[in-house]
C-alpha atoms as a PDB file:
ATOM      1  CA  UNK A   1     300.224 161.948 -38.615  1.00  0.00           C
ATOM      2  CA  UNK A   2     297.311 160.418 -36.657  1.00  0.00           C
ATOM      3  CA  UNK A   3     297.958 156.949 -37.850  1.00  0.00           C
ATOM      4  CA  UNK A   4     301.770 157.195 -37.180  1.00  0.00           C
ATOM      5  CA  UNK A   5     300.751 158.719 -33.258  1.00  0.00           C
ATOM      6  CA  UNK A   6     298.341 155.655 -33.086  1.00  0.00           C
ATOM      7  CA  UNK A   7     300.717 153.009 -34.136  1.00  0.00           C
ATOM      8  CA  UNK A   8     303.370 154.966 -31.169  1.00  0.00           C
ATOM      9  CA  UNK A   9     300.620 154.222 -28.707  1.00  0.00           C
ATOM     10  CA  UNK A  10     299.993 150.792 -29.230  1.00  0.00           C
ATOM     11  CA  UNK A  11     303.932 149.996 -29.658  1.00  0.00           C
ATOM     12  CA  UNK A  12     304.543 151.577 -26.268  1.00  0.00           C
ATOM     13  CA  UNK A  13     301.410 150.145 -24.285  1.00  0.00           C
ATOM     14  CA  UNK A  14     301.740 146.045 -26.286  1.00  0.00           C
ATOM     15  CA  UNK A  15     304.244 145.325 -23.325  1.00  0.00           C
ATOM     16  CA  UNK A  16     301.782 146.083 -20.524  1.00  0.00           C
ATOM     17  CA  UNK A  17     299.508 143.253 -21.955  1.00  0.00           C
ATOM     18  CA  UNK A  18     302.100 140.716 -21.558  1.00  0.00           C
ATOM     19  CA  UNK A  19     301.091 138.183 -18.971  1.00  0.00           C
ATOM     20  CA  UNK A  20     303.214 138.057 -15.494  1.00  0.00           C
ATOM     21  CA  UNK A  21     305.314 135.389 -14.579  1.00  0.00           C
ATOM     22  CA  UNK A  22     303.958 132.571 -12.558  1.00  0.00           C
ATOM     23  CA  UNK A  23     305.261 133.287  -8.677  1.00  0.00           C
ATOM     24  CA  UNK A  24     308.108 130.677  -7.394  1.00  0.00           C
ATOM     25  CA  UNK A  25     306.238 127.696  -5.843  1.00  0.00           C
ATOM     26  CA  UNK A  26     303.248 126.158  -6.086  1.00  0.00           C
ATOM     27  CA  UNK A  27     300.562 127.497  -8.881  1.00  0.00           C
ATOM     28  CA  UNK A  28     296.969 126.549  -9.291  1.00  0.00           C
ATOM     29  CA  UNK A  29     295.103 127.611 -12.365  1.00  0.00           C
ATOM     30  CA  UNK A  30     293.633 126.733 -15.300  1.00  0.00           C
ATOM     31  CA  UNK A  31     295.077 125.939 -18.901  1.00  0.00           C
ATOM     32  CA  UNK A  32     295.386 129.124 -21.397  1.00  0.00           C
ATOM     33  CA  UNK A  33     297.329 128.150 -24.160  1.00  0.00           C
ATOM     34  CA  UNK A  34     301.064 127.417 -24.508  1.00  0.00           C
ATOM     35  CA  UNK A  35     303.694 129.249 -27.233  1.00  0.00           C
ATOM     36  CA  UNK A  36     307.128 127.522 -28.679  1.00  0.00           C
ATOM     37  CA  UNK A  37     307.518 123.958 -29.909  1.00  0.00           C
ATOM     38  CA  UNK A  38     306.322 120.862 -27.458  1.00  0.00           C
ATOM     39  CA  UNK A  39     309.956 120.454 -25.805  1.00  0.00           C
ATOM     40  CA  UNK A  40     310.415 124.283 -25.078  1.00  0.00           C
ATOM     41  CA  UNK A  41     308.311 127.520 -25.045  1.00  0.00           C
ATOM     42  CA  UNK A  42     306.490 129.538 -22.666  1.00  0.00           C
ATOM     43  CA  UNK A  43     302.706 128.250 -20.913  1.00  0.00           C
ATOM     44  CA  UNK A  44     299.805 130.576 -19.890  1.00  0.00           C
ATOM     45  CA  UNK A  45     297.546 129.523 -17.782  1.00  0.00           C
ATOM     46  CA  UNK A  46     294.939 131.770 -15.302  1.00  0.00           C
ATOM     47  CA  UNK A  47     295.235 131.873 -12.032  1.00  0.00           C
ATOM     48  CA  UNK A  48     292.344 131.696  -9.567  1.00  0.00           C
ATOM     49  CA  UNK A  49     292.178 135.282  -9.565  1.00  0.00           C
ATOM     50  CA  UNK A  50     291.740 135.121 -13.074  1.00  0.00           C
ATOM     51  CA  UNK A  51     294.904 136.429 -14.554  1.00  0.00           C
ATOM     52  CA  UNK A  52     296.825 135.084 -16.986  1.00  0.00           C
ATOM     53  CA  UNK A  53     300.398 134.143 -16.099  1.00  0.00           C
ATOM     54  CA  UNK A  54     303.402 132.157 -18.139  1.00  0.00           C
ATOM     55  CA  UNK A  55     305.800 130.432 -17.363  1.00  0.00           C
ATOM     56  CA  UNK A  56     308.518 128.607 -19.437  1.00  0.00           C
ATOM     57  CA  UNK A  57     309.390 125.021 -19.816  1.00  0.00           C
ATOM     58  CA  UNK A  58     311.788 122.609 -21.216  1.00  0.00           C
ATOM     59  CA  UNK A  59     312.591 119.054 -22.203  1.00  0.00           C
ATOM     60  CA  UNK A  60     313.578 118.323 -18.465  1.00  0.00           C
ATOM     61  CA  UNK A  61     310.335 120.156 -16.958  1.00  0.00           C
ATOM     62  CA  UNK A  62     307.915 117.044 -15.722  1.00  0.00           C
ATOM     63  CA  UNK A  63     304.298 117.574 -17.464  1.00  0.00           C
ATOM     64  CA  UNK A  64     302.169 114.492 -16.135  1.00  0.00           C
ATOM     65  CA  UNK A  65     298.436 113.454 -16.804  1.00  0.00           C
ATOM     66  CA  UNK A  66     296.833 110.024 -15.382  1.00  0.00           C
ATOM     67  CA  UNK A  67     300.516 109.651 -13.942  1.00  0.00           C
ATOM     68  CA  UNK A  68     301.568 109.378 -17.155  1.00  0.00           C
ATOM     69  CA  UNK A  69     304.133 111.775 -18.845  1.00  0.00           C
ATOM     70  CA  UNK A  70     303.030 113.913 -21.380  1.00  0.00           C
ATOM     71  CA  UNK A  71     304.213 117.244 -23.725  1.00  0.00           C
ATOM     72  CA  UNK A  72     302.598 120.340 -23.700  1.00  0.00           C
ATOM     73  CA  UNK A  73     300.754 119.251 -27.104  1.00  0.00           C
ATOM     74  CA  UNK A  74     298.438 117.132 -24.368  1.00  0.00           C
ATOM     75  CA  UNK A  75     296.997 119.908 -22.629  1.00  0.00           C
ATOM     76  CA  UNK A  76     293.634 121.334 -23.343  1.00  0.00           C
ATOM     77  CA  UNK A  77     292.246 125.194 -22.717  1.00  0.00           C
ATOM     78  CA  UNK A  78     290.637 124.874 -19.532  1.00  0.00           C
ATOM     79  CA  UNK A  79     292.471 122.070 -17.666  1.00  0.00           C
ATOM     80  CA  UNK A  80     292.824 122.687 -14.256  1.00  0.00           C
ATOM     81  CA  UNK A  81     296.566 122.613 -13.281  1.00  0.00           C
ATOM     82  CA  UNK A  82     298.843 122.339 -10.455  1.00  0.00           C
ATOM     83  CA  UNK A  83     302.276 123.730 -11.284  1.00  0.00           C
ATOM     84  CA  UNK A  84     305.753 123.584  -9.265  1.00  0.00           C
ATOM     85  CA  UNK A  85     307.608 126.707 -10.572  1.00  0.00           C
ATOM     86  CA  UNK A  86     311.376 127.730 -10.088  1.00  0.00           C
ATOM     87  CA  UNK A  87     313.747 130.482 -11.320  1.00  0.00           C
ATOM     88  CA  UNK A  88     316.230 130.178 -13.994  1.00  0.00           C
ATOM     89  CA  UNK A  89     319.567 129.896 -12.035  1.00  0.00           C
ATOM     90  CA  UNK A  90     320.794 134.020 -12.874  1.00  0.00           C
ATOM     91  CA  UNK A  91     317.461 135.422 -13.539  1.00  0.00           C
ATOM     92  CA  UNK A  92     314.221 136.125 -12.165  1.00  0.00           C
ATOM     93  CA  UNK A  93     312.968 133.842 -15.049  1.00  0.00           C
ATOM     94  CA  UNK A  94     309.728 131.471 -13.982  1.00  0.00           C
ATOM     95  CA  UNK A  95     310.788 127.829 -14.829  1.00  0.00           C
ATOM     96  CA  UNK A  96     308.215 124.574 -14.813  1.00  0.00           C
ATOM     97  CA  UNK A  97     309.496 121.918 -12.559  1.00  0.00           C
ATOM     98  CA  UNK A  98     306.569 119.702 -12.481  1.00  0.00           C
ATOM     99  CA  UNK A  99     303.081 119.957 -14.184  1.00  0.00           C
ATOM    100  CA  UNK A 100     299.680 118.030 -13.195  1.00  0.00           C
ATOM    101  CA  UNK A 101     296.695 117.951 -14.450  1.00  0.00           C
ATOM    102  CA  UNK A 102     294.294 117.767 -11.758  1.00  0.00           C
ATOM    103  CA  UNK A 103     290.774 115.460 -12.769  1.00  0.00           C
ATOM    104  CA  UNK A 104     287.628 117.691 -11.793  1.00  0.00           C
ATOM    105  CA  UNK A 105     285.671 115.741  -9.201  1.00  0.00           C
ATOM    106  CA  UNK A 106     282.615 113.917 -10.184  1.00  0.00           C
ATOM    107  CA  UNK A 107     279.379 115.999 -10.471  1.00  0.00           C
ATOM    108  CA  UNK A 108     276.661 116.558  -7.212  1.00  0.00           C
ATOM    109  CA  UNK A 109     274.960 113.305  -7.567  1.00  0.00           C
ATOM    110  CA  UNK A 110     277.353 111.304  -9.429  1.00  0.00           C
ATOM    111  CA  UNK A 111     280.122 109.881  -7.260  1.00  0.00           C
ATOM    112  CA  UNK A 112     280.803 107.073  -9.749  1.00  0.00           C
ATOM    113  CA  UNK A 113     280.622 108.956 -12.505  1.00  0.00           C
ATOM    114  CA  UNK A 114     283.295 107.581 -14.796  1.00  0.00           C
ATOM    115  CA  UNK A 115     285.460 110.879 -15.808  1.00  0.00           C
ATOM    116  CA  UNK A 116     286.395 111.576 -19.454  1.00  0.00           C
ATOM    117  CA  UNK A 117     289.708 111.564 -18.661  1.00  0.00           C
ATOM    118  CA  UNK A 118     291.644 108.604 -16.504  1.00  0.00           C
ATOM    119  CA  UNK A 119     291.624 108.744 -13.245  1.00  0.00           C
ATOM    120  CA  UNK A 120     294.704 109.860 -10.785  1.00  0.00           C
ATOM    121  CA  UNK A 121     295.210 110.290  -7.743  1.00  0.00           C
ATOM    122  CA  UNK A 122     294.873 113.791  -6.462  1.00  0.00           C
ATOM    123  CA  UNK A 123     298.500 115.490  -5.389  1.00  0.00           C
ATOM    124  CA  UNK A 124     299.159 115.931  -1.795  1.00  0.00           C
ATOM    125  CA  UNK A 125     300.613 119.051  -0.073  1.00  0.00           C
ATOM    126  CA  UNK A 126     300.120 122.679   0.461  1.00  0.00           C
ATOM    127  CA  UNK A 127     304.063 123.986   0.129  1.00  0.00           C
ATOM    128  CA  UNK A 128     307.135 123.943  -1.695  1.00  0.00           C
ATOM    129  CA  UNK A 129     310.331 123.668  -0.012  1.00  0.00           C
ATOM    130  CA  UNK A 130     313.803 124.348  -1.791  1.00  0.00           C
ATOM    131  CA  UNK A 131     317.446 123.633  -0.818  1.00  0.00           C
ATOM    132  CA  UNK A 132     320.468 121.216  -0.451  1.00  0.00           C
ATOM    133  CA  UNK A 133     319.958 118.338   1.657  1.00  0.00           C
ATOM    134  CA  UNK A 134     322.494 117.993   4.124  1.00  0.00           C
ATOM    135  CA  UNK A 135     321.234 114.780   5.989  1.00  0.00           C
ATOM    136  CA  UNK A 136     319.157 111.936   4.754  1.00  0.00           C
ATOM    137  CA  UNK A 137     318.246 108.402   5.727  1.00  0.00           C
ATOM    138  CA  UNK A 138     315.584 105.901   4.883  1.00  0.00           C
ATOM    139  CA  UNK A 139     313.176 107.938   7.141  1.00  0.00           C
ATOM    140  CA  UNK A 140     314.273 111.627   6.431  1.00  0.00           C
ATOM    141  CA  UNK A 141     315.958 114.203   4.418  1.00  0.00           C
ATOM    142  CA  UNK A 142     317.357 117.362   6.696  1.00  0.00           C
ATOM    143  CA  UNK A 143     317.578 120.457   3.989  1.00  0.00           C
ATOM    144  CA  UNK A 144     319.776 123.763   4.472  1.00  0.00           C
ATOM    145  CA  UNK A 145     317.107 126.476   3.659  1.00  0.00           C
ATOM    146  CA  UNK A 146     317.179 130.128   3.552  1.00  0.00           C
ATOM    147  CA  UNK A 147     315.329 130.056   6.218  1.00  0.00           C
ATOM    148  CA  UNK A 148     317.655 127.208   8.265  1.00  0.00           C
ATOM    149  CA  UNK A 149     317.604 123.938   8.448  1.00  0.00           C
ATOM    150  CA  UNK A 150     314.350 121.844   7.761  1.00  0.00           C
ATOM    151  CA  UNK A 151     313.338 117.903   8.021  1.00  0.00           C
ATOM    152  CA  UNK A 152     310.860 116.588   6.274  1.00  0.00           C
ATOM    153  CA  UNK A 153     309.354 112.944   6.265  1.00  0.00           C
ATOM    154  CA  UNK A 154     309.813 110.371   3.755  1.00  0.00           C
ATOM    155  CA  UNK A 155     307.216 108.408   2.735  1.00  0.00           C
ATOM    156  CA  UNK A 156     306.869 105.037   1.076  1.00  0.00           C
ATOM    157  CA  UNK A 157     304.958 106.492  -1.740  1.00  0.00           C
ATOM    158  CA  UNK A 158     307.436 109.863  -1.930  1.00  0.00           C
ATOM    159  CA  UNK A 159     308.087 110.266  -5.804  1.00  0.00           C
ATOM    160  CA  UNK A 160     311.636 111.342  -6.569  1.00  0.00           C
ATOM    161  CA  UNK A 161     312.496 113.576 -10.112  1.00  0.00           C
ATOM    162  CA  UNK A 162     315.858 114.202 -11.481  1.00  0.00           C
ATOM    163  CA  UNK A 163     316.435 116.214 -14.409  1.00  0.00           C
ATOM    164  CA  UNK A 164     312.833 115.523 -15.636  1.00  0.00           C
ATOM    165  CA  UNK A 165     312.979 111.571 -15.532  1.00  0.00           C
ATOM    166  CA  UNK A 166     311.273 109.502 -12.455  1.00  0.00           C
ATOM    167  CA  UNK A 167     314.474 108.030 -10.253  1.00  0.00           C
ATOM    168  CA  UNK A 168     314.143 106.047  -7.106  1.00  0.00           C
ATOM    169  CA  UNK A 169     315.351 107.223  -3.426  1.00  0.00           C
ATOM    170  CA  UNK A 170     318.832 106.565  -3.638  1.00  0.00           C
ATOM    171  CA  UNK A 171     319.373 109.366  -6.583  1.00  0.00           C
ATOM    172  CA  UNK A 172     318.329 112.007  -4.208  1.00  0.00           C
ATOM    173  CA  UNK A 173     321.848 112.452  -2.875  1.00  0.00           C
ATOM    174  CA  UNK A 174     323.442 114.699  -0.091  1.00  0.00           C
ATOM    175  CA  UNK A 175     324.758 118.300  -1.464  1.00  0.00           C
ATOM    176  CA  UNK A 176     321.725 118.172  -4.028  1.00  0.00           C
ATOM    177  CA  UNK A 177     319.784 121.039  -4.448  1.00  0.00           C
ATOM    178  CA  UNK A 178     316.097 120.067  -4.321  1.00  0.00           C
ATOM    179  CA  UNK A 179     312.641 121.409  -4.898  1.00  0.00           C
ATOM    180  CA  UNK A 180     310.253 119.683  -2.539  1.00  0.00           C
ATOM    181  CA  UNK A 181     306.217 119.536  -2.765  1.00  0.00           C
ATOM    182  CA  UNK A 182     305.462 118.791   0.773  1.00  0.00           C
ATOM    183  CA  UNK A 183     302.854 118.611   3.799  1.00  0.00           C
ATOM    184  CA  UNK A 184     301.412 118.168   6.983  1.00  0.00           C
ATOM    185  CA  UNK A 185     300.490 114.957   8.094  1.00  0.00           C
ATOM    186  CA  UNK A 186     297.731 114.233  10.985  1.00  0.00           C
ATOM    187  CA  UNK A 187     300.719 114.733  13.957  1.00  0.00           C
ATOM    188  CA  UNK A 188     301.534 117.774  12.302  1.00  0.00           C
ATOM    189  CA  UNK A 189     305.041 116.828  11.002  1.00  0.00           C
ATOM    190  CA  UNK A 190     305.907 117.918   7.451  1.00  0.00           C
ATOM    191  CA  UNK A 191     306.230 115.085   4.814  1.00  0.00           C
ATOM    192  CA  UNK A 192     307.578 115.110   1.239  1.00  0.00           C
ATOM    193  CA  UNK A 193     305.285 113.933  -1.559  1.00  0.00           C
ATOM    194  CA  UNK A 194     307.628 114.944  -4.514  1.00  0.00           C
ATOM    195  CA  UNK A 195     311.123 115.414  -4.853  1.00  0.00           C
ATOM    196  CA  UNK A 196     312.860 116.955  -7.627  1.00  0.00           C
ATOM    197  CA  UNK A 197     316.456 118.114  -8.433  1.00  0.00           C
ATOM    198  CA  UNK A 198     318.261 118.861 -12.073  1.00  0.00           C
ATOM    199  CA  UNK A 199     320.061 120.960 -13.592  1.00  0.00           C
ATOM    200  CA  UNK A 200     317.657 123.991 -16.119  1.00  0.00           C
ATOM    201  CA  UNK A 201     318.288 124.626 -19.822  1.00  0.00           C
ATOM    202  CA  UNK A 202     317.673 127.513 -21.382  1.00  0.00           C
ATOM    203  CA  UNK A 203     314.436 129.192 -21.386  1.00  0.00           C
ATOM    204  CA  UNK A 204     313.418 131.534 -23.273  1.00  0.00           C
END
């Protein structure tokens, strides 16, 4: 009787230990592990407060290390991550649009030290903006968001990702729903650093 009671308690409390979903938008933390296959599953990462959170990925998620596309199998526990997350249409399930491994800075007094992994340009921007493109030209795009219209300046090095693959600027068409990594420039205007769009396939 006592054993069966302990089993029942374990069954009831197990779901409470499941990691929470990462919030929609920008997540920063460290790699913990992944579950599933290299092309579809759930990634677990520890946020800056120490809690472990999860988010689904699939073949259209763009994972990057040293500006090269990789699979989740190339990630290592402890890797510092920056993740742009979205929600699967029609649900609140977390979905990874883009993930970047952020190389650690050199230790104090070793500015010119060679990193153990190839160096990459640090991602820039402090916010994500999602909406539908209603106007665009060579210098800017205007989105219709939940909070109204927002115009983002386009840079020469703005990167575009559609359906999990890097695209050229012309592929971001009017009436496309996009997810943008952005940030202010020295003048206070908001610039787009990464523009992403595409379908989300089923995430378990």
